Protein backbone atom coordinates (compact mmCIF):
# COMPACT_ATOMS: atom_id res chain seq x y z
CA UNK A 1 0.24 -0.02 0.12
CA UNK A 2 1.26 3.66 -1.12
CA UNK A 3 2.10 5.71 1.75
CA UNK A 4 -0.29 8.08 2.65
CA UNK A 5 1.40 12.06 1.60
CA UNK A 6 1.35 14.55 4.53
CA UNK A 7 -1.41 17.14 4.17
CA UNK A 8 -1.15 20.97 5.74
CA UNK A 9 -3.98 22.97 5.24
CA UNK A 10 -3.45 26.49 4.42
CA UNK A 11 -6.88 28.05 5.81
CA UNK A 12 -7.75 32.00 4.79
CA UNK A 13 -10.21 34.48 5.86
CA UNK A 14 -11.38 36.39 2.96
CA UNK A 15 -12.55 40.24 3.65
CA UNK A 16 -9.19 41.96 4.21
CA UNK A 17 -6.93 39.16 3.71
CA UNK A 18 -7.82 38.01 0.12
CA UNK A 19 -9.19 41.04 -0.98
CA UNK A 20 -9.43 44.85 0.27
CA UNK A 21 -12.39 46.10 1.92
CA UNK A 22 -15.54 43.77 2.62
CA UNK A 23 -16.72 41.54 -0.30
CA UNK A 24 -20.24 43.48 -0.38
CA UNK A 25 -18.59 47.37 -0.68
CA UNK A 26 -17.23 45.95 -4.55
CA UNK A 27 -20.51 45.92 -6.21
CA UNK A 28 -23.62 44.78 -4.43
CA UNK A 29 -23.32 48.03 -1.82
CA UNK A 30 -23.12 50.30 -4.82
CA UNK A 31 -26.20 48.38 -6.47
CA UNK A 32 -28.28 48.69 -3.84
CA UNK A 33 -27.78 53.05 -3.27
CA UNK A 34 -26.00 52.57 -0.36
CA UNK A 35 -22.31 53.46 0.99
CA UNK A 36 -20.26 50.57 3.44
CA UNK A 37 -21.03 53.44 6.43
CA UNK A 38 -24.32 53.70 6.27
CA UNK A 39 -24.81 49.75 5.77
CA UNK A 40 -22.33 48.55 8.60
CA UNK A 41 -23.87 51.35 10.91
CA UNK A 42 -27.35 50.09 10.29
CA UNK A 43 -26.05 46.43 11.01
CA UNK A 44 -24.47 47.38 13.92
CA UNK A 45 -27.61 49.41 15.22
CA UNK A 46 -29.84 46.49 14.86
CA UNK A 47 -27.74 43.79 16.53
CA UNK A 48 -27.44 46.49 19.33
CA UNK A 49 -30.87 47.29 19.40
CA UNK A 50 -32.22 43.23 19.16
CA UNK A 51 -29.12 41.64 20.55
CA UNK A 52 -28.48 39.96 17.68
CA UNK A 53 -25.43 38.54 16.40
CA UNK A 54 -24.52 41.28 13.50
CA UNK A 55 -23.74 38.49 10.78
CA UNK A 56 -27.11 38.00 11.03
CA UNK A 57 -28.35 41.59 10.89
CA UNK A 58 -25.92 42.54 7.73
CA UNK A 59 -27.49 39.56 6.04
CA UNK A 60 -30.91 40.80 6.89
CA UNK A 61 -30.13 43.92 5.69
CA UNK A 62 -28.98 43.31 2.26
CA UNK A 63 -32.30 41.41 1.48
CA UNK A 64 -34.05 43.84 3.21
CA UNK A 65 -32.57 47.10 1.02
CA UNK A 66 -32.48 44.73 -2.16
CA UNK A 67 -35.72 44.51 -2.06
CA UNK A 68 -36.22 48.02 -1.68
CA UNK A 69 -33.82 49.12 -4.16
CA UNK A 70 -35.62 46.08 -6.47
CA UNK A 71 -32.59 44.45 -6.91
CA UNK A 72 -32.35 40.69 -7.37
CA UNK A 73 -31.23 38.04 -4.74
CA UNK A 74 -30.53 34.90 -6.34
CA UNK A 75 -27.61 32.80 -6.80
CA UNK A 76 -26.70 34.03 -9.91
CA UNK A 77 -27.05 37.55 -9.22
CA UNK A 78 -24.67 37.14 -5.73
CA UNK A 79 -22.23 35.46 -8.13
CA UNK A 80 -22.65 38.26 -10.84
CA UNK A 81 -21.10 40.70 -7.69
CA UNK A 82 -18.35 38.22 -7.01
CA UNK A 83 -16.80 38.42 -10.51
CA UNK A 84 -16.19 41.93 -9.78
CA UNK A 85 -14.26 41.66 -6.51
CA UNK A 86 -10.79 42.96 -6.43
CA UNK A 87 -8.02 40.69 -5.01
CA UNK A 88 -4.97 41.60 -3.74
CA UNK A 89 -1.66 41.11 -5.21
CA UNK A 90 -0.69 37.50 -6.68
CA UNK A 91 -3.65 36.19 -5.42
CA UNK A 92 -5.10 34.61 -8.55
CA UNK A 93 -1.41 32.74 -9.27
CA UNK A 94 -1.06 31.95 -5.09
CA UNK A 95 -3.00 28.60 -4.84
CA UNK A 96 -1.47 26.63 -7.48
CA UNK A 97 2.17 28.00 -7.05
CA UNK A 98 1.80 26.97 -3.23
CA UNK A 99 0.43 23.54 -4.05
CA UNK A 100 3.09 22.94 -6.61
CA UNK A 101 5.86 23.84 -4.51
CA UNK A 102 4.21 21.51 -1.60
CA UNK A 103 4.10 18.55 -4.12
CA UNK A 104 7.54 19.34 -4.95
CA UNK A 105 8.23 18.76 -0.95
CA UNK A 106 6.09 15.65 -1.17
CA UNK A 107 3.29 17.33 0.94
CA UNK A 108 -0.62 17.75 -0.11
CA UNK A 109 -1.40 21.43 0.09
CA UNK A 110 -5.44 21.67 0.72
CA UNK A 111 -6.59 25.13 0.63
CA UNK A 112 -9.69 26.03 2.71
CA UNK A 113 -11.50 29.68 2.93
CA UNK A 114 -13.15 30.31 6.33
CA UNK A 115 -15.09 33.65 6.15
CA UNK A 116 -18.20 35.63 7.70
CA UNK A 117 -18.88 37.04 4.11
CA UNK A 118 -21.25 35.39 1.79
CA UNK A 119 -20.70 32.47 0.05
CA UNK A 120 -22.72 33.36 -2.90
CA UNK A 121 -20.55 35.98 -3.40
CA UNK A 122 -17.02 34.38 -3.16
CA UNK A 123 -18.67 31.68 -5.59
CA UNK A 124 -18.47 34.19 -8.26
CA UNK A 125 -14.31 35.31 -7.79
CA UNK A 126 -12.26 33.92 -9.69
CA UNK A 127 -10.79 31.86 -7.15
CA UNK A 128 -13.42 30.13 -5.84
CA UNK A 129 -12.40 26.69 -7.40
CA UNK A 130 -9.37 26.83 -5.72
CA UNK A 131 -10.16 25.87 -1.94
CA UNK A 132 -10.82 22.28 -1.23
CA UNK A 133 -13.71 23.51 0.96
CA UNK A 134 -15.85 27.28 1.29
CA UNK A 135 -17.29 27.72 5.04
CA UNK A 136 -19.13 30.81 4.78
CA UNK A 137 -22.17 32.61 5.69
CA UNK A 138 -24.79 31.53 3.19
CA UNK A 139 -28.58 32.03 2.29
CA UNK A 140 -31.48 29.42 2.04
CA UNK A 141 -32.83 29.64 -1.16
CA UNK A 142 -36.92 29.77 -2.34
CA UNK A 143 -38.67 27.57 -4.73
CA UNK A 144 -38.31 30.42 -6.85
CA UNK A 145 -34.25 30.17 -6.45
CA UNK A 146 -34.29 33.81 -4.09
CA UNK A 147 -32.34 34.45 -1.26
CA UNK A 148 -35.17 33.89 1.82
CA UNK A 149 -33.25 33.32 4.88
CA UNK A 150 -29.93 33.08 6.33
CA UNK A 151 -28.68 29.48 6.12
CA UNK A 152 -25.65 29.42 7.67
CA UNK A 153 -24.03 32.82 9.71
CA UNK A 154 -20.29 32.61 10.22
CA UNK A 155 -18.90 34.63 12.77
CA UNK A 156 -15.51 35.22 14.47
CA UNK A 157 -16.11 32.60 17.57
CA UNK A 158 -17.85 29.75 15.46
CA UNK A 159 -15.29 30.81 12.82
CA UNK A 160 -13.05 28.00 14.81
CA UNK A 161 -15.70 25.36 15.06
CA UNK A 162 -14.55 25.01 10.94
CA UNK A 163 -10.83 24.52 11.85
CA UNK A 164 -12.25 21.30 14.02
CA UNK A 165 -13.74 20.16 10.84
CA UNK A 166 -10.89 20.43 9.13
CA UNK A 167 -8.72 18.63 11.69
CA UNK A 168 -11.03 15.95 12.06
CA UNK A 169 -12.17 15.32 7.87
CA UNK A 170 -16.24 16.13 9.36
CA UNK A 171 -16.82 18.38 6.48
CA UNK A 172 -21.06 17.28 6.46
CA UNK A 173 -22.46 20.33 8.14
CA UNK A 174 -25.55 18.80 8.40
CA UNK A 175 -24.03 15.97 10.56
CA UNK A 176 -23.67 17.34 14.34
CA UNK A 177 -22.54 14.29 15.42
CA UNK A 178 -19.17 13.49 13.72
CA UNK A 179 -17.76 16.97 14.99
CA UNK A 180 -17.99 15.94 18.21
CA UNK A 181 -16.98 12.41 17.94
CA UNK A 182 -13.73 10.99 19.41
CA UNK A 183 -11.18 10.84 16.86
CA UNK A 184 -7.48 10.02 17.95
CA UNK A 185 -5.22 12.49 17.04
CA UNK A 186 -3.28 10.17 15.31
CA UNK A 187 -6.40 9.75 12.84
CA UNK A 188 -6.99 12.78 11.92
CA UNK A 189 -5.98 14.10 8.38
CA UNK A 190 -4.44 17.43 9.05
CA UNK A 191 -2.98 17.63 12.49
CA UNK A 192 -3.36 21.25 13.95
CA UNK A 193 0.52 21.66 13.74
CA UNK A 194 -0.34 21.13 10.00
CA UNK A 195 -2.39 24.55 9.67
CA UNK A 196 -1.43 27.69 8.36
CA UNK A 197 -4.09 30.24 9.29
CA UNK A 198 -3.90 33.47 7.09
CA UNK A 199 -6.07 36.61 8.55
CA UNK A 200 -6.36 40.45 9.38
CA UNK A 201 -8.71 41.16 11.78
CA UNK A 202 -10.73 40.76 15.02
CA UNK A 203 -12.96 37.98 13.55
CA UNK A 204 -9.50 35.91 13.08
CA UNK A 205 -8.31 36.40 16.61
CA UNK A 206 -10.07 32.95 18.08
CA UNK A 207 -8.40 31.59 15.07
CA UNK A 208 -5.17 32.93 15.60
CA UNK A 209 -5.06 32.11 19.11
CA UNK A 210 -6.19 28.29 18.20
CA UNK A 211 -4.18 27.47 15.39
CA UNK A 212 -0.91 29.08 17.23
CA UNK A 213 -1.38 27.06 20.87
CA UNK A 214 -1.91 24.01 18.93
CA UNK A 215 1.37 24.25 17.04
CA UNK A 216 0.52 25.55 13.60
CA UNK A 217 1.46 28.81 12.12
CA UNK A 218 -0.64 32.40 12.38
CA UNK A 219 -0.05 34.74 10.20
CA UNK A 220 -1.63 38.14 9.86
CA UNK A 221 -2.10 40.04 7.04
CA UNK A 222 -2.32 43.57 6.39
CA UNK A 223 -3.09 46.49 3.44
CA UNK A 224 0.06 47.05 1.90
CA UNK A 225 1.51 50.52 2.14
CA UNK A 226 -1.31 51.36 4.78
CA UNK A 227 -0.08 52.22 7.87
CA UNK A 228 -3.00 51.84 10.13
CA UNK A 229 -3.30 48.19 8.72
CA UNK A 230 0.16 47.85 9.49
CA UNK A 231 -0.20 48.75 12.79
CA UNK A 232 -3.24 47.00 13.58
CA UNK A 233 -1.73 43.58 12.21
CA UNK A 234 2.04 44.59 14.24
CA UNK A 235 -0.85 44.55 17.61
CA UNK A 236 -2.08 41.30 17.00
CA UNK A 237 2.33 39.80 17.00
CA UNK A 238 2.69 41.98 20.22
CA UNK A 239 -0.18 40.78 21.98
CA UNK A 240 0.99 36.81 21.05
CA UNK A 241 -1.68 35.66 19.09
CA UNK A 242 -0.06 35.41 15.32
CA UNK A 243 3.75 34.54 14.83
CA UNK A 244 4.30 36.75 12.15
CA UNK A 245 2.75 39.14 10.21
CA UNK A 246 3.55 40.66 6.55
CA UNK A 247 1.67 42.52 4.05
CA UNK A 248 -1.06 41.22 1.96
CA UNK A 249 0.86 40.52 -1.14
CA UNK A 250 0.93 37.04 -2.48
CA UNK A 251 3.14 37.57 -5.03
CA UNK A 252 6.02 35.28 -5.83
CA UNK A 253 8.95 35.53 -3.65
CA UNK A 254 7.00 38.14 -1.83
CA UNK A 255 7.02 37.90 2.45
CA UNK A 256 4.13 35.83 2.52
CA UNK A 257 5.52 33.31 -0.02
CA UNK A 258 8.51 32.74 1.81
CA UNK A 259 6.95 32.56 5.01
CA UNK A 260 4.73 30.20 3.87
CA UNK A 261 6.85 28.11 2.05
CA UNK A 262 9.67 27.73 4.91
CA UNK A 263 6.84 26.43 6.65
CA UNK A 264 6.16 23.88 4.27
CA UNK A 265 9.87 22.33 4.13
CA UNK A 266 9.79 22.66 7.56
CA UNK A 267 6.83 20.55 8.05
CA UNK A 268 8.34 18.14 5.01
CA UNK A 269 11.73 17.66 6.76
CA UNK A 270 9.61 16.68 9.77
CA UNK A 271 8.14 14.02 8.14
CA UNK A 272 10.93 12.92 6.41
CA UNK A 273 12.63 12.80 10.30
CA UNK A 274 10.08 11.06 11.29
CA UNK A 275 10.06 8.38 8.62
CA UNK A 276 13.76 7.81 9.48
CA UNK A 277 13.36 7.17 12.59
CA UNK A 278 10.69 4.39 12.35
């Protein structure tokens, strides 16, 4: 029986990590005639008024305000908005390049997305097919194919659930038993020490800490040439929440590229040593 290759899971946030700003701001909000400032203020106020989850309130407001503006909210409509999302430099080429680098080291790279943004918008982006699995907030669609109700809302604390799903290989969201089943560490497809988490903001802090504390690599990225963003990311480093910070530039031979490749090489060397010691 051929040896099972060592797996590394690289897990990404989306907004502010792979693309600047929030995905709704690229096209959806302009189409419904709202400024980002007004939209997010309304979502926050609604959450405070009803003591609700802010992810749920923004998803409600998207549907409510789209209806008022006469804007369609079918899956295809969301996907069209996703096509307009501009990504950070180098993102489009990143996934294949890193996967190939892993392969050259005898490592199987799997890319995952864990986002509080809209799965339906992400589905229209140029990189949607690069992920093993996309975990993001999403809608239920009625018999006419129109978004009618939130099906899944992923906030800063629930994000960590999906790290455990990746760790255990339990990707069926409808199966609540599998995620809580006891699985011995050696039987888990992707150990936490073989995870790399890349995020940018406060919604990523629990994931930063979980991956870091469990032996994986946590990286905070920031919008290049943006002083406030760099200072914010550096604070995560000072607070011990991440191992390192880097500009959100995914180009070949850039700082982030070098960090991730070095970690892949380290894990590959560790796996080779373990084989020699058996």
